[in-house]
Every structure is written in structure tokens, then in C-alpha cells.
Amino acid sequence: MKYRSTFISTICYLFILLQGQTTSFGQCSFQNPIMEGADPFAFFYKGNYYLLVTRANRIGIKRSPKLQDIGPLSEITVWRFEDTPVGGHVWAPEMYYIDDNWYIYSCGQNTGLDSNPDVVPYIQERQEMFVLKSTTGDPFGPYEFDSWLMPGLGAIDETIFTHTDGKRYIIWSQFNIPGQPQSQCLYIAELNNPRSIGVTRVMISCPEYPWELYGWPVNEGAAVLQQNGKTYVVYSGSGYQVPEYALGYLVNSDGDLLNPASWTKVGPVFKQNPAGGVYATGHNSFTTSPDGTEDWIVYHGRLSTDGNQPRYTFMQTFRWDGDVPKFGTPVPVGDYIDCPSDTGWIISAENSGQELISIHPNPAGDYLNIELPEDLNQVRLRIVNLMGQTLMDMDISDPVLNITQLPEGMYFLNLSLGMNLYKGSFLKQYSYVKD
């Protein structure tokens, strides 16, 4: 992990910090895959990463301040389909903070249709999109079934994003190609509120090129990137069981998202790496490093060409060529990958030095994550500006510290843990986290 250096001279420290230079206390790396799980949805919120994957009969959430450590952590189940209108086959959950509450979007069997499979013979077409609502306002819920999004419509893999025009949109994969009941196209519409989709719903992509037709014709698993006025819808093409399952994208440059003619298709842009032991690469999400300097793609893949084998979660960086994303090639299984850039720092007690505390990111946005020793329930925190004014003085027990009230600038941080006093500095910049 990369950490800010601690200098004897505060002035020297401030100068180097403002120049964006860092010094490593030790190199951090990890190997792919990080865990078993398909359709990974990862995001960074208030100093922590959250990760959801398909679990079929339930929805679980993992949380960690370090993305590379999230794989082996315990998963907290926040909802099960029993005693709800959903009849199982819960796929591709994604969670969002909308209108001051947490919602999870997923898809599953409509029990009304499931009771009569002769009417809709294909399992995919009995899948419908639904939304869950946190009953507490906490990201870990618990959650309750709120509503079907479009009752009676066979559709999966909804994703939500806010465009630069301030409007919120939803994209989903719909089963509707005449004569090809297992085929899927991408649709987009405005999201009026967490449970209501606008009446204008347009198809923006159907499988047409060879790379989208392996196994069966599929466009699914959309994820959105926005850069310099362009909107990219990165999606998966071909049947998920074939090794050729790959990513392409649609790009929109004029902001007219509900006009099919405004979208241009490019692909494939990320596909299997047989030499590296990675196959069937698809259904991804995007996030950033804790310090906001790197973009990361989190995706699923297989370790063989056998479509009946499990899918695993992988992650790696990608870059931009101007305003065009470049995803490269899947990093081979077992290769070491540098951890997401986290220019946090380690501080030790002035009078003991027995325990180290990690604080990150630095520069910070609206939140600091303070990794406290497990045996401590409460710590006294004090934050002082360069003029010596105390701006925060409180007991803390939550490792995530909200610093939204602090203006941009340099600050000194003191932590009192029993008889030990820890001192450090950090730079408050803009927020890296967007709700």
C-alpha cells in the first residue's frame, strides 16, 4: 500500500503533498481472480468499497476500505426471496443511494408467470426487474420488496446513472427479438423516481455483429462511463456460457440519449485471454481508486472454456486515450497487480509506537477512513487548521469520518487512544464520491 510520508518539517510535508508526490512504505499487490461470483457491481462510497454479485436466491453485500481485500471478507445477506413475489433466480443486483435512501435493483422470477411455464417457456423471459428499499436508510438494510419495475416484461440487468443534464436514466436488457426468444436487446428510459420508469422507452442496441452472436444473440449487463460530454454504455455480447462472451460499448456524443440514431456501437473492446487463462469476460462495473487517480473495471470471467464451471470476479485498471476508454487485455490469472492507488498514510503513537493506524485517502474528499485497532471502542479526535483553530473535537467510534464541513485546505489530525497520542496531517480536496 502506498502511504504519505511523515516529515519532521511540516512545511516540507505540505509542499510535497501539494505537489502530489508520494512515498511508499511498502508495495501492495494482489492476484486475480479475487473471489467466486458473477455480475459484480462495485462502487466506492464514504471511504468504503461495496460489492454485490449474483447469489441466485438472496442478495448479499461486502464492504471494505480496500478493494483488493474485499474478496475473502464475509458477505452480509440483506434480503432473501422467500415470502416475496419473487420466485428465485435473483440475478445481477446493483445498489444506489437515491432520494435519501438505499435501493437495490435486481431481477428474478415473477411467481405469477412461474406458475404457468407453458405460457412463457423460457426461464429468461420469466425474469422481471424489481426494486428493493432499505427499511432503515442504512446500506445494509434490511431491505423489503418495493415493486416490479415493468410488470409482465421479460427483462434483466438494469443499471442506473445520472447524466450531465441532471436527469436519471435506466438501461436494461430485454427479451423481445421475434422468432428468437432467447435473444436480448438494450433499452433506455428516464427514471422518474426509484420505482417508476418514463413512458418513452427506446431500443438502442440489438446483437448484430459476429462477436455478439456466439451461443445466442445477446446484449446485456450494461455499465455506464461518462467523459468529456460523451456517454459510454459498456455491455456484454454473446451467450454468457461461451468463452467468446465479451465487452463492447455504445457511445453517445450529442446528449440525446433517447434517440437510437445518436448511439454508435464499437466492439469487442475487452475479450478472453486464453494464454492468460481468462475466458468469458463480461458483465462488469466501474469504480475508482480511493484517491481518485485510477479507473478500475471489475468484471467476471471463467478459468476454462467450460460454460458450466463457476464464474469469478476479476479487477484491473483501465486508461483513457483522450475521451476514449482503453481496457486492454485481461491480466493473466496469478499475475501480480498493483493495488488501487491509495495515498493514505500511517501514523504511530508519539509515546509508544507500538501500534500503527492507517488513514486514507490523502488527499481526502468528503470522508476519511481511519483503521482503528479492533480492541478500541472509542477514540478522541481533534482536527486543527493551519491557523491553529480547532475545527473538530469529538469522540469517534465509526471508522468512516465525515469531513464535508471542512473547506479545502491542509489540516492536522490528533487521535487520543488511551495514553497514546497519534499525530498526522492531511489535505482536503474535492469529493471523489458521488451519491
Protein backbone atom coordinates (compact mmCIF):
# COMPACT_ATOMS: atom_id res chain seq x y z
CA MET A 1 0.00 0.00 0.00
CA LYS A 2 1.19 3.49 -0.81
CA TYR A 3 1.27 5.97 2.06
CA ARG A 4 2.13 9.65 2.50
CA SER A 5 5.48 10.25 4.08
CA THR A 6 5.68 11.87 7.50
CA PHE A 7 8.27 14.61 7.56
CA ILE A 8 9.90 16.36 10.54
CA SER A 9 9.24 19.64 8.84
CA THR A 10 5.55 20.37 8.36
CA ILE A 11 6.40 22.92 5.70
CA CYS A 12 8.32 20.35 3.65
CA TYR A 13 5.50 17.88 4.10
CA LEU A 14 2.94 20.43 2.94
CA PHE A 15 5.00 21.37 -0.12
CA ILE A 16 5.42 17.76 -1.26
CA LEU A 17 1.78 16.95 -0.54
CA LEU A 18 0.61 19.84 -2.66
CA GLN A 19 2.88 18.69 -5.48
CA GLY A 20 1.10 15.31 -5.48
CA GLN A 21 4.23 13.26 -4.77
CA THR A 22 4.03 10.12 -2.65
CA THR A 23 6.42 7.74 -0.96
CA SER A 24 5.61 4.04 -0.46
CA PHE A 25 6.02 2.32 2.90
CA GLY A 26 5.58 -0.98 1.09
CA GLN A 27 4.34 -2.25 -2.23
CA CYS A 28 0.85 -3.72 -2.25
CA SER A 29 -0.28 -6.23 -4.86
CA PHE A 30 -2.96 -8.86 -5.41
CA GLN A 31 -3.85 -11.62 -7.88
CA ASN A 32 -6.92 -12.31 -9.99
CA PRO A 33 -9.48 -13.66 -9.51
CA ILE A 34 -10.32 -12.09 -6.17
CA MET A 35 -13.35 -14.31 -5.41
CA GLU A 36 -16.04 -16.52 -6.90
CA GLY A 37 -19.07 -14.58 -8.11
CA ALA A 38 -20.75 -13.36 -11.31
CA ASP A 39 -22.13 -9.98 -12.39
CA PRO A 40 -20.02 -7.94 -9.92
CA PHE A 41 -21.24 -4.48 -9.01
CA ALA A 42 -18.60 -2.48 -7.13
CA PHE A 43 -18.64 1.16 -6.03
CA PHE A 44 -16.84 3.47 -3.61
CA TYR A 45 -18.90 5.34 -1.02
CA LYS A 46 -17.83 7.29 2.07
CA GLY A 47 -14.40 5.69 2.34
CA ASN A 48 -15.50 2.12 1.65
CA TYR A 49 -15.98 -0.17 -1.32
CA TYR A 50 -19.19 -2.15 -1.63
CA LEU A 51 -19.50 -5.28 -3.76
CA LEU A 52 -22.55 -7.29 -4.81
CA VAL A 53 -22.60 -10.40 -7.02
CA THR A 54 -25.28 -12.83 -8.20
CA ARG A 55 -26.24 -15.31 -5.47
CA ALA A 56 -29.44 -16.75 -7.09
CA ASN A 57 -31.71 -16.92 -4.04
CA ARG A 58 -30.54 -13.96 -1.97
CA ILE A 59 -28.69 -10.65 -2.10
CA GLY A 60 -25.52 -10.07 -0.10
CA ILE A 61 -23.16 -7.14 0.32
CA LYS A 62 -19.45 -6.98 1.10
CA ARG A 63 -17.73 -3.83 2.35
CA SER A 64 -14.07 -2.91 2.74
CA PRO A 65 -11.95 0.25 2.65
CA LYS A 66 -9.59 -1.64 0.33
CA LEU A 67 -10.94 -3.15 -2.87
CA GLN A 68 -8.14 -5.72 -3.11
CA ASP A 69 -9.13 -7.12 0.32
CA ILE A 70 -12.86 -7.44 -0.31
CA GLY A 71 -12.88 -10.92 -1.84
CA PRO A 72 -12.35 -13.12 1.24
CA LEU A 73 -14.45 -10.95 3.55
CA SER A 74 -17.75 -12.20 4.91
CA GLU A 75 -20.83 -11.29 2.92
CA ILE A 76 -23.83 -9.89 4.77
CA THR A 77 -27.16 -11.16 3.44
CA VAL A 78 -29.61 -8.23 3.31
CA TRP A 79 -32.56 -9.89 1.53
CA ARG A 80 -33.95 -13.32 0.60
CA PHE A 81 -36.64 -14.05 -1.96
CA GLU A 82 -38.72 -16.32 0.29
CA ASP A 83 -42.11 -14.87 1.23
CA THR A 84 -41.89 -12.24 -1.51
CA PRO A 85 -43.40 -12.01 -5.03
CA VAL A 86 -40.00 -13.11 -6.41
CA GLY A 87 -39.65 -16.81 -7.15
CA GLY A 88 -35.86 -17.10 -7.12
CA HIS A 89 -33.23 -16.80 -9.88
CA VAL A 90 -32.15 -13.43 -8.45
CA TRP A 91 -29.53 -12.02 -10.82
CA ALA A 92 -27.15 -9.05 -11.08
CA PRO A 93 -28.06 -6.84 -8.08
CA GLU A 94 -26.96 -3.21 -8.07
CA MET A 95 -27.47 -0.68 -5.27
CA TYR A 96 -27.90 3.09 -5.40
CA TYR A 97 -28.48 5.96 -2.99
CA ILE A 98 -31.50 7.84 -4.36
CA ASP A 99 -33.65 10.47 -2.66
CA ASP A 100 -32.04 9.94 0.74
CA ASN A 101 -32.40 6.16 0.82
CA TRP A 102 -30.75 2.99 -0.46
CA TYR A 103 -32.35 0.91 -3.19
CA ILE A 104 -31.26 -2.39 -4.72
CA TYR A 105 -32.21 -3.16 -8.31
CA SER A 106 -32.22 -6.75 -9.50
CA CYS A 107 -34.29 -9.25 -11.47
CA GLY A 108 -35.94 -12.54 -10.67
CA GLN A 109 -38.78 -14.90 -11.45
CA ASN A 110 -42.25 -13.43 -11.44
CA THR A 111 -44.15 -16.02 -9.41
CA GLY A 112 -47.33 -15.36 -11.38
CA LEU A 113 -45.67 -16.37 -14.64
CA ASP A 114 -43.59 -19.08 -13.00
CA SER A 115 -46.76 -20.93 -12.03
CA ASN A 116 -47.59 -21.41 -15.71
CA PRO A 117 -44.34 -22.13 -17.58
CA ASP A 118 -46.23 -23.24 -20.70
CA VAL A 119 -47.21 -19.62 -21.30
CA VAL A 120 -43.63 -18.36 -21.16
CA PRO A 121 -41.45 -21.42 -21.75
CA TYR A 122 -38.00 -19.83 -21.41
CA ILE A 123 -36.66 -19.10 -17.94
CA GLN A 124 -35.08 -15.85 -19.14
CA GLU A 125 -38.43 -14.48 -20.31
CA ARG A 126 -39.94 -15.15 -16.90
CA GLN A 127 -37.32 -12.84 -15.39
CA GLU A 128 -38.57 -9.38 -14.45
CA MET A 129 -36.88 -6.34 -12.94
CA PHE A 130 -37.69 -5.33 -9.39
CA VAL A 131 -36.54 -2.84 -6.76
CA LEU A 132 -35.89 -3.30 -3.03
CA LYS A 133 -35.89 -0.50 -0.48
CA SER A 134 -33.85 -0.22 2.70
CA THR A 135 -36.16 -0.01 5.68
CA THR A 136 -33.58 1.82 7.77
CA GLY A 137 -31.74 4.08 5.33
CA ASP A 138 -28.61 2.05 6.01
CA PRO A 139 -26.76 0.43 3.06
CA PHE A 140 -27.01 -2.93 4.85
CA GLY A 141 -30.76 -2.57 5.22
CA PRO A 142 -32.58 -4.74 5.90
CA TYR A 143 -34.42 -4.47 2.58
CA GLU A 144 -38.03 -5.10 1.64
CA PHE A 145 -39.59 -5.80 -1.74
CA ASP A 146 -40.85 -2.48 -3.12
CA SER A 147 -42.21 -3.16 -6.61
CA TRP A 148 -41.79 -4.69 -10.04
CA LEU A 149 -40.43 -2.03 -12.38
CA MET A 150 -42.31 -3.10 -15.53
CA PRO A 151 -44.70 -5.93 -14.63
CA GLY A 152 -45.09 -8.57 -17.32
CA LEU A 153 -41.95 -7.55 -19.23
CA GLY A 154 -39.14 -10.09 -19.58
CA ALA A 155 -36.04 -8.08 -18.75
CA ILE A 156 -32.82 -8.26 -16.71
CA ASP A 157 -29.62 -6.42 -15.79
CA GLU A 158 -30.93 -2.91 -15.11
CA THR A 159 -28.37 -0.22 -14.35
CA ILE A 160 -28.92 3.41 -13.34
CA PHE A 161 -26.91 6.57 -13.90
CA THR A 162 -27.29 10.35 -13.72
CA HIS A 163 -26.45 12.16 -16.95
CA THR A 164 -24.73 15.53 -17.14
CA ASP A 165 -28.16 17.01 -17.92
CA GLY A 166 -29.15 16.16 -14.34
CA LYS A 167 -31.68 13.51 -15.37
CA ARG A 168 -31.53 9.98 -14.06
CA TYR A 169 -31.70 7.13 -16.61
CA ILE A 170 -32.14 3.37 -16.51
CA ILE A 171 -30.82 0.85 -19.06
CA TRP A 172 -31.90 -2.79 -19.19
CA SER A 173 -31.65 -5.93 -21.34
CA GLN A 174 -34.99 -7.07 -22.78
CA PHE A 175 -36.08 -10.38 -24.34
CA ASN A 176 -38.00 -9.42 -27.43
CA ILE A 177 -36.46 -10.39 -30.78
CA PRO A 178 -39.26 -12.01 -32.85
CA GLY A 179 -38.53 -15.65 -33.57
CA GLN A 180 -35.50 -15.64 -31.25
CA PRO A 181 -36.96 -16.00 -27.76
CA GLN A 182 -33.58 -16.23 -26.03
CA SER A 183 -32.21 -13.06 -27.61
CA GLN A 184 -31.77 -9.76 -25.82
CA CYS A 185 -31.59 -6.07 -26.74
CA LEU A 186 -30.67 -2.96 -24.73
CA TYR A 187 -33.28 -0.32 -23.88
CA ILE A 188 -33.06 3.06 -22.17
CA ALA A 189 -35.59 5.35 -20.46
CA GLU A 190 -35.68 8.09 -17.86
CA LEU A 191 -36.10 7.01 -14.26
CA ASN A 192 -38.81 9.26 -12.83
CA ASN A 193 -38.30 8.07 -9.26
CA PRO A 194 -36.78 4.94 -7.68
CA ARG A 195 -39.75 2.77 -8.76
CA SER A 196 -41.15 4.50 -11.87
CA ILE A 197 -39.77 4.39 -15.43
CA GLY A 198 -40.65 7.03 -18.02
CA VAL A 199 -43.10 6.25 -20.80
CA THR A 200 -40.54 6.87 -23.56
CA ARG A 201 -38.55 3.63 -23.76
CA VAL A 202 -36.29 3.14 -26.74
CA MET A 203 -34.15 0.30 -28.03
CA ILE A 204 -30.54 1.43 -28.53
CA SER A 205 -28.83 -1.85 -29.40
CA CYS A 206 -29.55 -5.38 -30.59
CA PRO A 207 -26.98 -8.09 -31.32
CA GLU A 208 -25.89 -7.86 -34.94
CA TYR A 209 -22.14 -8.43 -35.26
CA PRO A 210 -20.40 -11.84 -35.06
CA TRP A 211 -18.88 -11.12 -31.63
CA GLU A 212 -22.41 -10.63 -30.22
CA LEU A 213 -23.83 -13.86 -31.67
CA TYR A 214 -21.82 -16.70 -30.10
CA GLY A 215 -24.05 -19.14 -28.26
CA TRP A 216 -27.11 -16.98 -28.81
CA PRO A 217 -27.68 -13.29 -29.73
CA VAL A 218 -27.26 -11.22 -26.59
CA ASN A 219 -26.73 -7.63 -25.45
CA GLU A 220 -26.81 -7.44 -21.62
CA GLY A 221 -25.07 -6.27 -18.45
CA ALA A 222 -24.77 -2.55 -19.23
CA ALA A 223 -22.44 -0.28 -17.22
CA VAL A 224 -22.01 3.45 -17.85
CA LEU A 225 -18.97 5.72 -18.16
CA GLN A 226 -19.09 9.47 -18.84
CA GLN A 227 -16.14 11.50 -20.07
CA ASN A 228 -15.88 14.97 -21.64
CA GLY A 229 -19.53 15.08 -22.68
CA LYS A 230 -19.60 11.54 -24.04
CA THR A 231 -21.64 8.72 -22.55
CA TYR A 232 -20.42 5.16 -22.91
CA VAL A 233 -22.67 2.16 -22.32
CA VAL A 234 -20.32 -0.79 -21.91
CA TYR A 235 -22.21 -4.08 -22.32
CA SER A 236 -21.72 -7.82 -22.78
CA GLY A 237 -22.28 -9.60 -26.09
CA SER A 238 -23.00 -13.30 -26.84
CA GLY A 239 -24.28 -16.01 -24.53
CA TYR A 240 -22.75 -15.94 -21.06
CA GLN A 241 -21.75 -19.62 -21.22
CA VAL A 242 -19.41 -19.32 -24.21
CA PRO A 243 -15.73 -18.31 -23.87
CA GLU A 244 -16.28 -15.61 -26.52
CA TYR A 245 -18.55 -13.66 -24.17
CA ALA A 246 -17.01 -10.16 -24.38
CA LEU A 247 -17.48 -6.43 -23.84
CA GLY A 248 -18.30 -3.76 -26.37
CA TYR A 249 -19.75 -0.31 -25.97
CA LEU A 250 -22.22 2.21 -27.33
CA VAL A 251 -21.10 5.82 -27.37
CA ASN A 252 -23.29 8.94 -27.41
CA SER A 253 -21.77 12.36 -28.13
CA ASP A 254 -24.74 14.68 -28.58
CA GLY A 255 -26.55 14.11 -25.26
CA ASP A 256 -29.74 12.93 -26.96
CA LEU A 257 -29.83 9.65 -25.06
CA LEU A 258 -33.36 8.65 -26.11
CA ASN A 259 -32.53 8.84 -29.82
CA PRO A 260 -31.31 5.45 -31.13
CA ALA A 261 -29.53 7.18 -34.01
CA SER A 262 -27.34 9.06 -31.52
CA TRP A 263 -25.58 5.87 -30.42
CA THR A 264 -22.58 4.29 -32.17
CA LYS A 265 -21.51 0.70 -31.48
CA VAL A 266 -17.86 -0.35 -31.01
CA GLY A 267 -16.64 -3.82 -30.15
CA PRO A 268 -15.35 -6.05 -28.94
CA VAL A 269 -13.19 -3.90 -26.65
CA PHE A 270 -12.42 -6.46 -23.92
CA LYS A 271 -12.41 -10.20 -24.51
CA GLN A 272 -10.98 -13.51 -23.37
CA ASN A 273 -7.24 -14.07 -22.89
CA PRO A 274 -6.70 -17.81 -23.45
CA ALA A 275 -2.94 -17.51 -22.92
CA GLY A 276 -3.65 -15.94 -19.54
CA GLY A 277 -6.32 -18.44 -18.52
CA VAL A 278 -9.22 -15.95 -18.57
CA TYR A 279 -12.38 -16.69 -20.55
CA ALA A 280 -15.92 -15.35 -20.97
CA THR A 281 -15.07 -11.84 -19.77
CA GLY A 282 -18.15 -9.72 -19.23
CA HIS A 283 -20.85 -8.13 -17.08
CA ASN A 284 -18.70 -5.51 -15.41
CA SER A 285 -18.92 -2.40 -13.27
CA PHE A 286 -16.60 0.57 -12.83
CA THR A 287 -15.06 2.27 -9.84
CA THR A 288 -12.01 4.36 -8.93
CA SER A 289 -9.05 4.03 -6.63
CA PRO A 290 -9.52 5.56 -3.14
CA ASP A 291 -7.53 8.65 -4.13
CA GLY A 292 -9.47 9.07 -7.39
CA THR A 293 -6.39 8.86 -9.62
CA GLU A 294 -7.15 5.50 -11.25
CA ASP A 295 -10.12 3.96 -13.04
CA TRP A 296 -10.88 0.29 -12.39
CA ILE A 297 -13.01 -2.26 -14.20
CA VAL A 298 -14.48 -5.07 -12.09
CA TYR A 299 -15.76 -7.95 -14.23
CA HIS A 300 -16.49 -11.65 -14.19
CA GLY A 301 -14.79 -14.41 -16.14
CA ARG A 302 -14.15 -18.13 -16.15
CA LEU A 303 -10.99 -20.15 -15.63
CA SER A 304 -11.73 -22.54 -18.50
CA THR A 305 -13.79 -22.77 -21.69
CA ASP A 306 -16.36 -24.95 -19.89
CA GLY A 307 -19.51 -22.84 -19.63
CA ASN A 308 -20.78 -24.95 -16.73
CA GLN A 309 -17.89 -24.00 -14.48
CA PRO A 310 -18.19 -21.17 -11.93
CA ARG A 311 -17.68 -17.52 -12.80
CA TYR A 312 -15.17 -15.48 -10.81
CA THR A 313 -14.67 -11.79 -10.05
CA PHE A 314 -11.63 -10.06 -11.55
CA MET A 315 -10.45 -6.46 -11.47
CA GLN A 316 -7.80 -4.31 -13.12
CA THR A 317 -7.13 -0.73 -14.15
CA PHE A 318 -8.04 0.79 -17.49
CA ARG A 319 -6.91 4.03 -19.08
CA TRP A 320 -8.28 6.84 -21.24
CA ASP A 321 -6.96 7.88 -24.63
CA GLY A 322 -8.39 11.37 -24.63
CA ASP A 323 -12.07 10.70 -24.06
CA VAL A 324 -11.98 7.08 -25.27
CA PRO A 325 -11.68 4.24 -22.72
CA LYS A 326 -8.98 1.64 -23.37
CA PHE A 327 -9.50 -1.59 -21.44
CA GLY A 328 -6.53 -3.57 -22.70
CA THR A 329 -6.32 -7.34 -22.17
CA PRO A 330 -7.40 -9.35 -19.11
CA VAL A 331 -4.42 -9.73 -16.79
CA PRO A 332 -3.41 -13.42 -16.65
CA VAL A 333 -4.58 -15.48 -13.71
CA GLY A 334 -1.98 -15.44 -10.93
CA ASP A 335 -0.08 -12.39 -12.18
CA TYR A 336 0.56 -9.76 -9.52
CA ILE A 337 -1.35 -6.49 -9.94
CA ASP A 338 -0.61 -3.25 -8.07
CA CYS A 339 -3.35 -2.41 -5.58
CA PRO A 340 -5.63 0.57 -6.23
CA SER A 341 -3.73 3.79 -5.56
CA ASP A 342 -4.37 4.93 -2.01
CA THR A 343 -2.15 7.79 -0.97
CA GLY A 344 -3.10 7.48 2.65
CA TRP A 345 -0.56 7.44 5.46
CA ILE A 346 0.39 5.58 8.62
CA ILE A 347 0.81 7.30 11.97
CA SER A 348 2.22 5.87 15.19
CA ALA A 349 1.84 6.97 18.79
CA GLU A 350 4.35 9.60 19.93
CA ASN A 351 4.95 7.94 23.27
CA SER A 352 4.84 4.24 22.40
CA GLY A 353 4.98 3.49 18.70
CA GLN A 354 3.55 0.06 19.44
CA GLU A 355 0.52 0.32 17.17
CA LEU A 356 0.11 1.84 13.72
CA ILE A 357 -3.04 3.48 12.42
CA SER A 358 -3.79 3.72 8.71
CA ILE A 359 -5.69 6.78 7.49
CA HIS A 360 -6.76 7.21 3.88
CA PRO A 361 -7.28 8.57 1.29
CA ASN A 362 -4.95 11.54 1.29
CA PRO A 363 -5.74 13.93 -0.34
CA ALA A 364 -9.25 13.36 1.02
CA GLY A 365 -12.66 14.18 -0.37
CA ASP A 366 -15.65 14.31 1.96
CA TYR A 367 -14.64 11.31 4.06
CA LEU A 368 -11.60 9.88 5.83
CA ASN A 369 -11.30 6.19 6.69
CA ILE A 370 -9.46 5.62 9.97
CA GLU A 371 -8.47 1.99 10.59
CA LEU A 372 -8.61 1.79 14.37
CA PRO A 373 -7.31 -1.13 16.46
CA GLU A 374 -10.08 -3.71 16.92
CA ASP A 375 -9.95 -3.61 20.71
CA LEU A 376 -10.79 0.10 20.91
CA ASN A 377 -14.39 1.20 21.13
CA GLN A 378 -13.89 4.95 21.28
CA VAL A 379 -11.20 7.41 20.27
CA ARG A 380 -10.89 11.16 20.80
CA LEU A 381 -10.26 13.05 17.57
CA ARG A 382 -9.15 16.62 17.08
CA ILE A 383 -8.65 18.39 13.73
CA VAL A 384 -6.84 21.74 13.58
CA ASN A 385 -6.27 24.06 10.61
CA LEU A 386 -3.00 25.84 9.76
CA MET A 387 -4.03 28.83 11.89
CA GLY A 388 -4.25 26.63 14.98
CA GLN A 389 -8.03 26.75 15.14
CA THR A 390 -9.77 23.58 16.32
CA LEU A 391 -12.48 22.69 13.80
CA MET A 392 -13.44 19.21 15.01
CA ASP A 393 -13.11 17.84 18.55
CA MET A 394 -15.13 14.69 19.31
CA ASP A 395 -15.20 11.07 20.34
CA ILE A 396 -15.41 8.69 17.38
CA SER A 397 -16.21 5.01 17.07
CA ASP A 398 -17.11 4.80 13.37
CA PRO A 399 -14.04 4.27 11.13
CA VAL A 400 -15.61 6.50 8.46
CA LEU A 401 -15.20 10.18 9.35
CA ASN A 402 -17.41 12.74 7.60
CA ILE A 403 -15.40 15.89 6.84
CA THR A 404 -17.79 17.55 4.41
CA GLN A 405 -17.91 20.64 6.65
CA LEU A 406 -14.20 21.30 6.19
CA PRO A 407 -13.23 23.67 3.37
CA GLU A 408 -10.41 22.69 1.04
CA GLY A 409 -7.01 23.00 2.64
CA MET A 410 -4.35 21.46 4.87
CA TYR A 411 -5.20 20.09 8.34
CA PHE A 412 -3.51 18.49 11.34
CA LEU A 413 -5.13 15.47 12.95
CA ASN A 414 -4.66 14.22 16.53
CA LEU A 415 -6.02 10.91 17.82
CA SER A 416 -6.01 10.14 21.54
CA LEU A 417 -6.20 6.40 22.26
CA GLY A 418 -5.88 5.93 25.99
CA MET A 419 -2.40 7.09 26.95
CA ASN A 420 -1.23 7.22 23.32
CA LEU A 421 -1.33 10.30 21.10
CA TYR A 422 -1.21 9.92 17.32
CA LYS A 423 -0.49 12.91 15.06
CA GLY A 424 -0.75 13.33 11.31
CA SER A 425 -1.69 15.72 8.51
CA PHE A 426 -4.00 15.54 5.52
CA LEU A 427 -5.13 17.62 2.58
CA LYS A 428 -8.86 18.17 1.97
CA GLN A 429 -9.71 18.46 -1.71
CA TYR A 430 -12.88 17.92 -3.71
CA SER A 431 -15.07 14.86 -3.23
CA TYR A 432 -14.20 11.67 -5.09
CA VAL A 433 -17.54 10.16 -4.07
CA LYS A 434 -20.78 10.84 -5.90
CA ASP A 435 -24.07 9.60 -4.46
